[in-house]
PDB file of N, CA and C in Angstrom:
ATOM      1  N   MET A   1       6.006   4.024  14.112  1.00  0.00           N
ATOM      2  CA  MET A   1       6.599   3.968  13.279  1.00  0.00           C
ATOM      3  C   MET A   1       6.038   4.129  11.886  1.00  0.00           C
ATOM      4  N   LYS A   2       7.019   5.284  11.173  1.00  0.00           N
ATOM      5  CA  LYS A   2       7.116   5.415   9.894  1.00  0.00           C
ATOM      6  C   LYS A   2       7.386   4.457   8.479  1.00  0.00           C
ATOM      7  N   LEU A   3       6.749   4.419   7.686  1.00  0.00           N
ATOM      8  CA  LEU A   3       6.911   3.338   6.956  1.00  0.00           C
ATOM      9  C   LEU A   3       6.687   3.795   5.579  1.00  0.00           C
ATOM     10  N   LYS A   4       7.828   3.472   4.789  1.00  0.00           N
ATOM     11  CA  LYS A   4       7.507   3.891   3.455  1.00  0.00           C
ATOM     12  C   LYS A   4       6.724   2.498   1.943  1.00  0.00           C
ATOM     13  N   LEU A   5       5.907   3.137   1.482  1.00  0.00           N
ATOM     14  CA  LEU A   5       5.122   1.892   0.474  1.00  0.00           C
ATOM     15  C   LEU A   5       4.984   2.022  -1.070  1.00  0.00           C
ATOM     16  N   LYS A   6       5.479   0.759  -1.478  1.00  0.00           N
ATOM     17  CA  LYS A   6       5.630   0.497  -2.818  1.00  0.00           C
ATOM     18  C   LYS A   6       4.565  -0.062  -3.277  1.00  0.00           C
ATOM     19  N   ALA A   7       3.930   0.380  -3.382  1.00  0.00           N
ATOM     20  CA  ALA A   7       3.235  -0.776  -4.240  1.00  0.00           C
ATOM     21  C   ALA A   7       1.969  -0.659  -5.651  1.00  0.00           C
ATOM     22  N   ARG A   8       2.087  -1.696  -6.085  1.00  0.00           N
ATOM     23  CA  ARG A   8       0.697  -2.020  -7.427  1.00  0.00           C
ATOM     24  C   ARG A   8      -0.548  -2.455  -7.152  1.00  0.00           C
ATOM     25  N   VAL A   9      -1.067  -1.892  -7.405  1.00  0.00           N
ATOM     26  CA  VAL A   9      -2.442  -1.250  -7.626  1.00  0.00           C
ATOM     27  C   VAL A   9      -3.423  -2.203  -9.001  1.00  0.00           C
ATOM     28  N   ASN A  10      -4.065  -3.384  -8.482  1.00  0.00           N
ATOM     29  CA  ASN A  10      -5.426  -2.867 -10.320  1.00  0.00           C
ATOM     30  C   ASN A  10      -6.435  -2.905  -9.872  1.00  0.00           C
ATOM     31  N   ARG A  11      -6.765  -3.005 -10.934  1.00  0.00           N
ATOM     32  CA  ARG A  11      -8.644  -2.951 -10.066  1.00  0.00           C
ATOM     33  C   ARG A  11      -9.135  -1.795  -9.357  1.00  0.00           C
ATOM     34  N   SER A  12      -8.329  -1.182  -9.594  1.00  0.00           N
ATOM     35  CA  SER A  12      -8.779   0.699  -8.895  1.00  0.00           C
ATOM     36  C   SER A  12      -8.212   1.849  -9.522  1.00  0.00           C
ATOM     37  N   ASP A  13      -9.248   3.016  -9.460  1.00  0.00           N
ATOM     38  CA  ASP A  13      -9.077   4.262 -10.492  1.00  0.00           C
ATOM     39  C   ASP A  13      -7.973   5.316  -9.072  1.00  0.00           C
ATOM     40  N   ALA A  14      -7.754   6.064 -10.283  1.00  0.00           N
ATOM     41  CA  ALA A  14      -6.662   6.845  -8.850  1.00  0.00           C
ATOM     42  C   ALA A  14      -7.518   7.368  -8.221  1.00  0.00           C
ATOM     43  N   ARG A  15      -8.597   7.886  -8.476  1.00  0.00           N
ATOM     44  CA  ARG A  15      -8.895   8.890  -7.391  1.00  0.00           C
ATOM     45  C   ARG A  15      -8.865   7.800  -5.463  1.00  0.00           C
ATOM     46  N   THR A  16     -10.063   6.805  -6.153  1.00  0.00           N
ATOM     47  CA  THR A  16     -10.094   5.838  -4.803  1.00  0.00           C
ATOM     48  C   THR A  16      -8.751   5.367  -3.996  1.00  0.00           C
ATOM     49  N   ILE A  17      -7.416   5.309  -5.083  1.00  0.00           N
ATOM     50  CA  ILE A  17      -6.848   5.560  -4.116  1.00  0.00           C
ATOM     51  C   ILE A  17      -5.745   6.258  -3.333  1.00  0.00           C
ATOM     52  N   ARG A  18      -6.390   7.815  -4.310  1.00  0.00           N
ATOM     53  CA  ARG A  18      -5.976   9.223  -3.519  1.00  0.00           C
ATOM     54  C   ARG A  18      -6.363   9.118  -2.139  1.00  0.00           C
ATOM     55  N   HIS A  19      -8.370   8.332  -2.057  1.00  0.00           N
ATOM     56  CA  HIS A  19      -8.682   7.990  -1.116  1.00  0.00           C
ATOM     57  C   HIS A  19      -8.610   7.947   0.050  1.00  0.00           C
ATOM     58  N   ALA A  20      -8.022   6.517  -0.541  1.00  0.00           N
ATOM     59  CA  ALA A  20      -7.981   5.884   1.008  1.00  0.00           C
ATOM     60  C   ALA A  20      -5.714   6.541   1.517  1.00  0.00           C
ATOM     61  N   LEU A  21      -5.491   6.874   0.495  1.00  0.00           N
ATOM     62  CA  LEU A  21      -4.836   7.012   1.811  1.00  0.00           C
ATOM     63  C   LEU A  21      -4.552   8.684   1.978  1.00  0.00           C
ATOM     64  N   GLY A  22      -5.605   9.205   1.763  1.00  0.00           N
ATOM     65  CA  GLY A  22      -5.906   9.533   2.640  1.00  0.00           C
ATOM     66  C   GLY A  22      -6.256   9.423   3.814  1.00  0.00           C
ATOM     67  N   GLN A  23      -7.340   8.382   4.110  1.00  0.00           N
ATOM     68  CA  GLN A  23      -7.575   7.931   5.174  1.00  0.00           C
ATOM     69  C   GLN A  23      -6.713   7.476   5.890  1.00  0.00           C
ATOM     70  N   LEU A  24      -5.386   7.106   5.789  1.00  0.00           N
ATOM     71  CA  LEU A  24      -4.474   6.967   6.492  1.00  0.00           C
ATOM     72  C   LEU A  24      -3.610   8.429   6.925  1.00  0.00           C
ATOM     73  N   SER A  25      -3.876   9.315   6.697  1.00  0.00           N
ATOM     74  CA  SER A  25      -2.938   9.965   6.564  1.00  0.00           C
ATOM     75  C   SER A  25      -2.047  10.614   5.854  1.00  0.00           C
ATOM     76  N   ALA A  26      -2.017   9.914   4.963  1.00  0.00           N
ATOM     77  CA  ALA A  26      -0.907   9.480   3.635  1.00  0.00           C
ATOM     78  C   ALA A  26      -0.336  10.687   2.760  1.00  0.00           C
ATOM     79  N   LYS A  27       0.987  11.077   2.868  1.00  0.00           N
ATOM     80  CA  LYS A  27       1.038  11.344   1.446  1.00  0.00           C
ATOM     81  C   LYS A  27       2.267  11.099   0.807  1.00  0.00           C
ATOM     82  N   GLY A  28       1.771  10.764  -0.384  1.00  0.00           N
ATOM     83  CA  GLY A  28       2.381  10.231  -1.235  1.00  0.00           C
ATOM     84  C   GLY A  28       1.830  10.483  -2.477  1.00  0.00           C
ATOM     85  N   SER A  29       1.740   9.852  -3.843  1.00  0.00           N
ATOM     86  CA  SER A  29       1.917  10.085  -5.254  1.00  0.00           C
ATOM     87  C   SER A  29       0.908   8.541  -5.710  1.00  0.00           C
ATOM     88  N   VAL A  30       0.142   8.887  -6.957  1.00  0.00           N
ATOM     89  CA  VAL A  30      -0.583   7.735  -7.474  1.00  0.00           C
ATOM     90  C   VAL A  30      -0.249   7.744  -9.219  1.00  0.00           C
ATOM     91  N   ARG A  31       0.644   7.207 -10.107  1.00  0.00           N
ATOM     92  CA  ARG A  31       0.529   7.618 -11.549  1.00  0.00           C
ATOM     93  C   ARG A  31       0.232   6.319 -12.031  1.00  0.00           C
ATOM     94  N   LYS A  32      -0.125   6.503 -13.095  1.00  0.00           N
ATOM     95  CA  LYS A  32      -0.526   4.984 -14.226  1.00  0.00           C
ATOM     96  C   LYS A  32       0.902   4.400 -14.991  1.00  0.00           C
ATOM     97  N   ALA A  33       0.822   2.894 -14.718  1.00  0.00           N
ATOM     98  CA  ALA A  33       1.908   2.447 -15.790  1.00  0.00           C
ATOM     99  C   ALA A  33       1.346   0.994 -15.950  1.00  0.00           C
ATOM    100  N   GLY A  34       0.536   1.419 -17.403  1.00  0.00           N
ATOM    101  CA  GLY A  34      -0.576   0.049 -18.239  1.00  0.00           C
ATOM    102  C   GLY A  34      -1.538   0.018 -17.525  1.00  0.00           C
ATOM    103  N   ASP A  35      -1.858  -0.890 -17.297  1.00  0.00           N
ATOM    104  CA  ASP A  35      -3.510  -2.017 -16.519  1.00  0.00           C
ATOM    105  C   ASP A  35      -3.303  -1.645 -14.833  1.00  0.00           C
ATOM    106  N   GLU A  36      -2.214  -1.300 -14.277  1.00  0.00           N
ATOM    107  CA  GLU A  36      -1.611  -0.935 -12.446  1.00  0.00           C
ATOM    108  C   GLU A  36      -1.411   0.305 -12.426  1.00  0.00           C
ATOM    109  N   SER A  37      -1.881   0.760 -11.707  1.00  0.00           N
ATOM    110  CA  SER A  37      -0.944   2.186 -11.316  1.00  0.00           C
ATOM    111  C   SER A  37      -0.201   2.097  -9.756  1.00  0.00           C
ATOM    112  N   ILE A  38       0.855   2.576  -9.921  1.00  0.00           N
ATOM    113  CA  ILE A  38       1.647   2.796  -8.945  1.00  0.00           C
ATOM    114  C   ILE A  38       1.900   4.049  -8.292  1.00  0.00           C
ATOM    115  N   VAL A  39       1.771   3.005  -6.796  1.00  0.00           N
ATOM    116  CA  VAL A  39       1.912   4.242  -5.252  1.00  0.00           C
ATOM    117  C   VAL A  39       2.986   4.430  -5.063  1.00  0.00           C
ATOM    118  N   GLU A  40       3.252   5.603  -4.569  1.00  0.00           N
ATOM    119  CA  GLU A  40       5.032   6.036  -3.673  1.00  0.00           C
ATOM    120  C   GLU A  40       4.054   6.824  -2.449  1.00  0.00           C
ATOM    121  N   ALA A  41       4.492   5.860  -1.381  1.00  0.00           N
ATOM    122  CA  ALA A  41       3.782   7.274  -0.461  1.00  0.00           C
ATOM    123  C   ALA A  41       4.551   6.641   0.435  1.00  0.00           C
ATOM    124  N   GLU A  42       3.961   7.680   1.824  1.00  0.00           N
ATOM    125  CA  GLU A  42       5.209   7.794   3.705  1.00  0.00           C
ATOM    126  C   GLU A  42       3.723   7.722   4.127  1.00  0.00           C
ATOM    127  N   MET A  43       3.641   7.024   4.975  1.00  0.00           N
ATOM    128  CA  MET A  43       2.775   6.921   6.692  1.00  0.00           C
ATOM    129  C   MET A  43       3.088   6.499   8.398  1.00  0.00           C
ATOM    130  N   GLU A  44       2.256   6.849   8.799  1.00  0.00           N
ATOM    131  CA  GLU A  44       2.416   5.972  10.311  1.00  0.00           C
ATOM    132  C   GLU A  44       1.727   5.652  10.611  1.00  0.00           C
ATOM    133  N   GLY A  45       1.880   4.480  11.285  1.00  0.00           N
ATOM    134  CA  GLY A  45       1.300   3.787  11.898  1.00  0.00           C
ATOM    135  C   GLY A  45       2.476   2.288  12.763  1.00  0.00           C
ATOM    136  N   ALA A  46       1.455   1.028  13.734  1.00  0.00           N
ATOM    137  CA  ALA A  46       1.830   0.545  14.068  1.00  0.00           C
ATOM    138  C   ALA A  46       2.452  -1.056  13.876  1.00  0.00           C
ATOM    139  N   SER A  47       2.329  -0.992  12.685  1.00  0.00           N
ATOM    140  CA  SER A  47       3.393  -2.355  11.658  1.00  0.00           C
ATOM    141  C   SER A  47       2.292  -1.726  10.337  1.00  0.00           C
ATOM    142  N   ALA A  48       3.307  -2.687   9.266  1.00  0.00           N
ATOM    143  CA  ALA A  48       3.299  -3.212   8.440  1.00  0.00           C
ATOM    144  C   ALA A  48       2.213  -3.247   7.933  1.00  0.00           C
ATOM    145  N   ARG A  49       2.345  -4.473   8.229  1.00  0.00           N
ATOM    146  CA  ARG A  49       0.540  -5.586   8.054  1.00  0.00           C
ATOM    147  C   ARG A  49      -0.741  -4.510   8.995  1.00  0.00           C
ATOM    148  N   GLU A  50      -0.148  -4.205   9.968  1.00  0.00           N
ATOM    149  CA  GLU A  50      -1.760  -3.311   9.795  1.00  0.00           C
ATOM    150  C   GLU A  50      -2.150  -2.083   8.618  1.00  0.00           C
ATOM    151  N   LEU A  51      -0.862  -1.361   8.415  1.00  0.00           N
ATOM    152  CA  LEU A  51      -1.492  -0.557   7.162  1.00  0.00           C
ATOM    153  C   LEU A  51      -1.438  -0.736   6.283  1.00  0.00           C
ATOM    154  N   ASN A  52      -0.995  -2.577   5.520  1.00  0.00           N
ATOM    155  CA  ASN A  52      -1.380  -2.902   4.732  1.00  0.00           C
ATOM    156  C   ASN A  52      -3.060  -3.160   4.406  1.00  0.00           C
ATOM    157  N   ARG A  53      -3.479  -3.966   5.901  1.00  0.00           N
ATOM    158  CA  ARG A  53      -4.849  -4.731   5.911  1.00  0.00           C
ATOM    159  C   ARG A  53      -6.054  -3.189   5.478  1.00  0.00           C
ATOM    160  N   THR A  54      -5.791  -2.110   6.688  1.00  0.00           N
ATOM    161  CA  THR A  54      -6.651  -1.196   6.363  1.00  0.00           C
ATOM    162  C   THR A  54      -6.425  -0.207   4.826  1.00  0.00           C
ATOM    163  N   PHE A  55      -5.101  -0.153   4.418  1.00  0.00           N
ATOM    164  CA  PHE A  55      -5.631   0.233   2.750  1.00  0.00           C
ATOM    165  C   PHE A  55      -6.597  -0.095   1.719  1.00  0.00           C
ATOM    166  N   LEU A  56      -5.722  -1.794   1.952  1.00  0.00           N
ATOM    167  CA  LEU A  56      -5.691  -2.732   1.039  1.00  0.00           C
ATOM    168  C   LEU A  56      -7.834  -3.375   1.833  1.00  0.00           C
ATOM    169  N   SER A  57      -7.983  -2.859   2.752  1.00  0.00           N
ATOM    170  CA  SER A  57      -9.844  -2.708   3.138  1.00  0.00           C
ATOM    171  C   SER A  57      -9.870  -1.510   2.735  1.00  0.00           C
ATOM    172  N   ALA A  58      -9.682  -0.755   2.646  1.00  0.00           N
ATOM    173  CA  ALA A  58     -10.574   0.885   2.253  1.00  0.00           C
ATOM    174  C   ALA A  58     -10.420   0.999   0.291  1.00  0.00           C
ATOM    175  N   LEU A  59      -9.710   0.354   0.002  1.00  0.00           N
ATOM    176  CA  LEU A  59      -9.608   0.443  -1.716  1.00  0.00           C
ATOM    177  C   LEU A  59     -10.392  -1.025  -2.258  1.00  0.00           C
ATOM    178  N   ARG A  60     -10.734  -2.229  -0.950  1.00  0.00           N
ATOM    179  CA  ARG A  60     -11.890  -3.204  -1.747  1.00  0.00           C
ATOM    180  C   ARG A  60     -13.210  -3.182  -1.545  1.00  0.00           C
ATOM    181  N   LYS A  61     -13.276  -1.610  -0.512  1.00  0.00           N
ATOM    182  CA  LYS A  61     -14.701  -0.902  -0.153  1.00  0.00           C
ATOM    183  C   LYS A  61     -15.654  -0.615  -0.914  1.00  0.00           C
ATOM    184  N   VAL A  62     -14.545   0.016  -2.413  1.00  0.00           N
ATOM    185  CA  VAL A  62     -15.347   0.027  -3.160  1.00  0.00           C
ATOM    186  C   VAL A  62     -15.024  -0.649  -4.561  1.00  0.00           C
ATOM    187  N   GLU A  63     -14.403  -1.292  -5.286  1.00  0.00           N
ATOM    188  CA  GLU A  63     -13.847  -1.995  -5.655  1.00  0.00           C
ATOM    189  C   GLU A  63     -13.674  -3.383  -5.475  1.00  0.00           C
ATOM    190  N   LYS A  64     -14.489  -4.716  -5.305  1.00  0.00           N
ATOM    191  CA  LYS A  64     -13.804  -5.763  -4.598  1.00  0.00           C
ATOM    192  C   LYS A  64     -12.748  -6.455  -4.617  1.00  0.00           C
ATOM    193  N   ARG A  65     -12.679  -6.440  -6.547  1.00  0.00           N
ATOM    194  CA  ARG A  65     -11.732  -7.458  -7.168  1.00  0.00           C
ATOM    195  C   ARG A  65     -10.257  -7.064  -7.207  1.00  0.00           C
ATOM    196  N   THR A  66     -10.100  -5.855  -6.363  1.00  0.00           N
ATOM    197  CA  THR A  66      -8.121  -5.065  -6.055  1.00  0.00           C
ATOM    198  C   THR A  66      -7.923  -5.801  -5.725  1.00  0.00           C
ATOM    199  N   THR A  67      -6.133  -5.839  -7.048  1.00  0.00           N
ATOM    200  CA  THR A  67      -5.386  -6.718  -5.927  1.00  0.00           C
ATOM    201  C   THR A  67      -4.451  -5.301  -5.472  1.00  0.00           C
ATOM    202  N   LEU A  68      -3.578  -5.832  -4.790  1.00  0.00           N
ATOM    203  CA  LEU A  68      -2.218  -4.645  -4.070  1.00  0.00           C
ATOM    204  C   LEU A  68      -1.254  -5.738  -3.858  1.00  0.00           C
ATOM    205  N   ARG A  69      -0.152  -5.415  -4.377  1.00  0.00           N
ATOM    206  CA  ARG A  69       1.071  -5.787  -4.547  1.00  0.00           C
ATOM    207  C   ARG A  69       2.260  -5.003  -3.888  1.00  0.00           C
ATOM    208  N   ALA A  70       2.245  -5.099  -1.917  1.00  0.00           N
ATOM    209  CA  ALA A  70       2.484  -4.112  -1.596  1.00  0.00           C
ATOM    210  C   ALA A  70       4.593  -4.292  -0.968  1.00  0.00           C
ATOM    211  N   GLU A  71       5.121  -3.619  -0.766  1.00  0.00           N
ATOM    212  CA  GLU A  71       6.457  -3.476  -0.657  1.00  0.00           C
ATOM    213  C   GLU A  71       6.566  -3.063   0.741  1.00  0.00           C
ATOM    214  N   TRP A  72       6.433  -2.534   1.998  1.00  0.00           N
ATOM    215  CA  TRP A  72       6.478  -1.868   3.322  1.00  0.00           C
ATOM    216  C   TRP A  72       8.049  -1.563   3.941  1.00  0.00           C
ATOM    217  N   THR A  73       8.477  -0.791   3.179  1.00  0.00           N
ATOM    218  CA  THR A  73       9.745  -0.086   4.161  1.00  0.00           C
ATOM    219  C   THR A  73       9.914   0.635   5.512  1.00  0.00           C
ATOM    220  N   SER A  74      10.386   0.281   6.301  1.00  0.00           N
ATOM    221  CA  SER A  74      10.451   1.370   8.145  1.00  0.00           C
ATOM    222  C   SER A  74      11.767   1.793   7.355  1.00  0.00           C
ATOM    223  N   ASP A  75      11.767   2.350   8.690  1.00  0.00           N
ATOM    224  CA  ASP A  75      13.635   3.767   8.853  1.00  0.00           C
ATOM    225  C   ASP A  75      14.761   2.309   9.278  1.00  0.00           C
ATOM    226  N   ASP A  76      14.420   1.164   9.512  1.00  0.00           N
ATOM    227  CA  ASP A  76      15.811   0.379  10.375  1.00  0.00           C
ATOM    228  C   ASP A  76      16.204  -0.143   8.843  1.00  0.00           C
ATOM    229  N   GLY A  77      15.305   0.142   7.929  1.00  0.00           N
ATOM    230  CA  GLY A  77      16.209  -0.849   6.083  1.00  0.00           C
ATOM    231  C   GLY A  77      14.951  -2.185   6.385  1.00  0.00           C
ATOM    232  N   THR A  78      14.776  -2.599   7.938  1.00  0.00           N
ATOM    233  CA  THR A  78      13.915  -3.932   6.948  1.00  0.00           C
ATOM    234  C   THR A  78      12.485  -3.444   6.252  1.00  0.00           C
ATOM    235  N   SER A  79      12.103  -4.427   5.420  1.00  0.00           N
ATOM    236  CA  SER A  79      11.112  -4.964   4.268  1.00  0.00           C
ATOM    237  C   SER A  79      10.308  -5.609   4.261  1.00  0.00           C
ATOM    238  N   GLU A  80       9.122  -5.538   4.292  1.00  0.00           N
ATOM    239  CA  GLU A  80       8.209  -6.485   4.252  1.00  0.00           C
ATOM    240  C   GLU A  80       6.790  -6.585   3.138  1.00  0.00           C
ATOM    241  N   ARG A  81       7.032  -7.423   1.769  1.00  0.00           N
ATOM    242  CA  ARG A  81       6.309  -7.856   0.613  1.00  0.00           C
ATOM    243  C   ARG A  81       4.882  -7.966   1.217  1.00  0.00           C
ATOM    244  N   PHE A  82       3.839  -7.851   1.118  1.00  0.00           N
ATOM    245  CA  PHE A  82       2.791  -8.139   1.139  1.00  0.00           C
ATOM    246  C   PHE A  82       2.014  -8.115  -0.105  1.00  0.00           C
ATOM    247  N   PHE A  83       1.216  -9.782  -0.405  1.00  0.00           N
ATOM    248  CA  PHE A  83       0.362  -9.660  -2.656  1.00  0.00           C
ATOM    249  C   PHE A  83      -0.930  -9.777  -1.159  1.00  0.00           C
ATOM    250  N   ASP A  84      -2.426  -8.929  -1.626  1.00  0.00           N
ATOM    251  CA  ASP A  84      -3.084  -8.859  -0.599  1.00  0.00           C
ATOM    252  C   ASP A  84      -2.676  -8.369   0.934  1.00  0.00           C
ATOM    253  N   TYR A  85      -3.578  -9.882   1.651  1.00  0.00           N
ATOM    254  CA  TYR A  85      -3.113  -9.486   2.857  1.00  0.00           C
ATOM    255  C   TYR A  85      -1.754 -10.210   3.127  1.00  0.00           C
ATOM    256  N   VAL A  86      -1.659 -11.532   2.618  1.00  0.00           N
ATOM    257  CA  VAL A  86      -0.666 -12.539   3.099  1.00  0.00           C
ATOM    258  C   VAL A  86       0.722 -11.293   2.706  1.00  0.00           C
ATOM    259  N   LEU A  87       1.461 -11.628   4.245  1.00  0.00           N
ATOM    260  CA  LEU A  87       2.844 -11.797   3.395  1.00  0.00           C
ATOM    261  C   LEU A  87       3.788 -12.290   3.642  1.00  0.00           C
ATOM    262  N   LYS A  88       4.419 -12.247   2.302  1.00  0.00           N
ATOM    263  CA  LYS A  88       4.838 -13.147   1.179  1.00  0.00           C
ATOM    264  C   LYS A  88       6.976 -12.947   1.857  1.00  0.00           C
ATOM    265  N   LYS A  89       7.214 -12.066   2.001  1.00  0.00           N
ATOM    266  CA  LYS A  89       8.473 -11.353   2.479  1.00  0.00           C
ATOM    267  C   LYS A  89       8.951 -10.813   3.510  1.00  0.00           C
ATOM    268  N   THR A  90      10.078 -11.188   4.001  1.00  0.00           N
ATOM    269  CA  THR A  90      10.987 -10.114   5.295  1.00  0.00           C
ATOM    270  C   THR A  90      11.553  -9.984   4.881  1.00  0.00           C
ATOM    271  N   ILE A  91      12.761  -8.703   4.277  1.00  0.00           N
ATOM    272  CA  ILE A  91      14.298  -9.064   3.888  1.00  0.00           C
ATOM    273  C   ILE A  91      14.328  -7.540   5.621  1.00  0.00           C
ATOM    274  N   LYS A  92      15.636  -7.949   6.298  1.00  0.00           N
ATOM    275  CA  LYS A  92      15.605  -7.702   7.007  1.00  0.00           C
ATOM    276  C   LYS A  92      17.884  -7.056   6.670  1.00  0.00           C
ATOM    277  N   ASN A  93      17.889  -5.586   7.171  1.00  0.00           N
ATOM    278  CA  ASN A  93      19.471  -5.101   6.209  1.00  0.00           C
ATOM    279  C   ASN A  93      20.214  -5.243   7.294  1.00  0.00           C
TER     280      ASN A  93
END
């Protein structure tokens, strides 16, 4: 399943975020916006939940206090929003 990620990451630097994206074989960009980093990427995986967990785990190996607000959108238009490991909302189109 191909998914698009839009996320805000706190307490983690751009190099760490790029490394975590690389572990997921993702193509994407990282830019700084105030105290946060904005991440936009595309990757493939079994589910948004699995990719979210893997991405956040990779970030937290470097900085334990990292927080992640992520929205994963699949090709069928379904969006899943997560705060850290917790699914907060699913929007089906």
